[in-house]
Amino acid sequence: MKSIALLSLSCLIYFSISFSACSIPRHTVRYAEEPQQIFHGSYDEVWAAALKVLDAFQYKYPTANKDSGFIETDFYTGYSKREYIFSGGEKFPKESKWKLALRFLAMKSHPSSPKVRIRIKKEEEVNQGFLEGWKKIESDLLTEKVILYRIGRVLYLNKKIELLSTP
């Protein structure tokens, strides 16, 4: 009877220690928040400016739905400026690919000064090698900020041209 109680107590202690041991946390990739900006202009003007900027950067956008306010580009390929392969004492940039997703939202405002918010998300992946495949990496937010800046400049220039062309 004592041996059964001792055995059950030792099993209880063993399982409680083994299941309460510290586990190694998984490595999680933290992605930065999506850059966003509010533009003063009608939804149609902001949409046209965004398409003009994407065309200037030669992005192809097979998914462009104006009614739902969503544009997604194809993958654009190039070489990473932050990820390298080290071989023979030299470093070579890794192959990378990325695509952009733009979301448009017409905000409630006074009818004489409409506002549209644009959010941009960049999904970037780096080729780790032919055996490992592609790995998602965090965006440096530079591309997103440049596109938002360019959209703002296109809207600004369009308003200036409109002011100059009206008598």
Foldseek 3Di string as FASTA:
>chain_A
DVVVVVVVVVVVVVVVPVVPDDDDDDDDADADFWDKDKDWDDLVLLLVLLVVLCVVVPWAWPDDDSVQQKTKTDKDKDFDPPDWDDDPNDTDTFIKIKMKMKGKDWDDDPPVTTMIMITMDMWMWTQPDPVPGIDTHYDPCPVVVVSVVSSNVVSVVVVVVVVVPDD
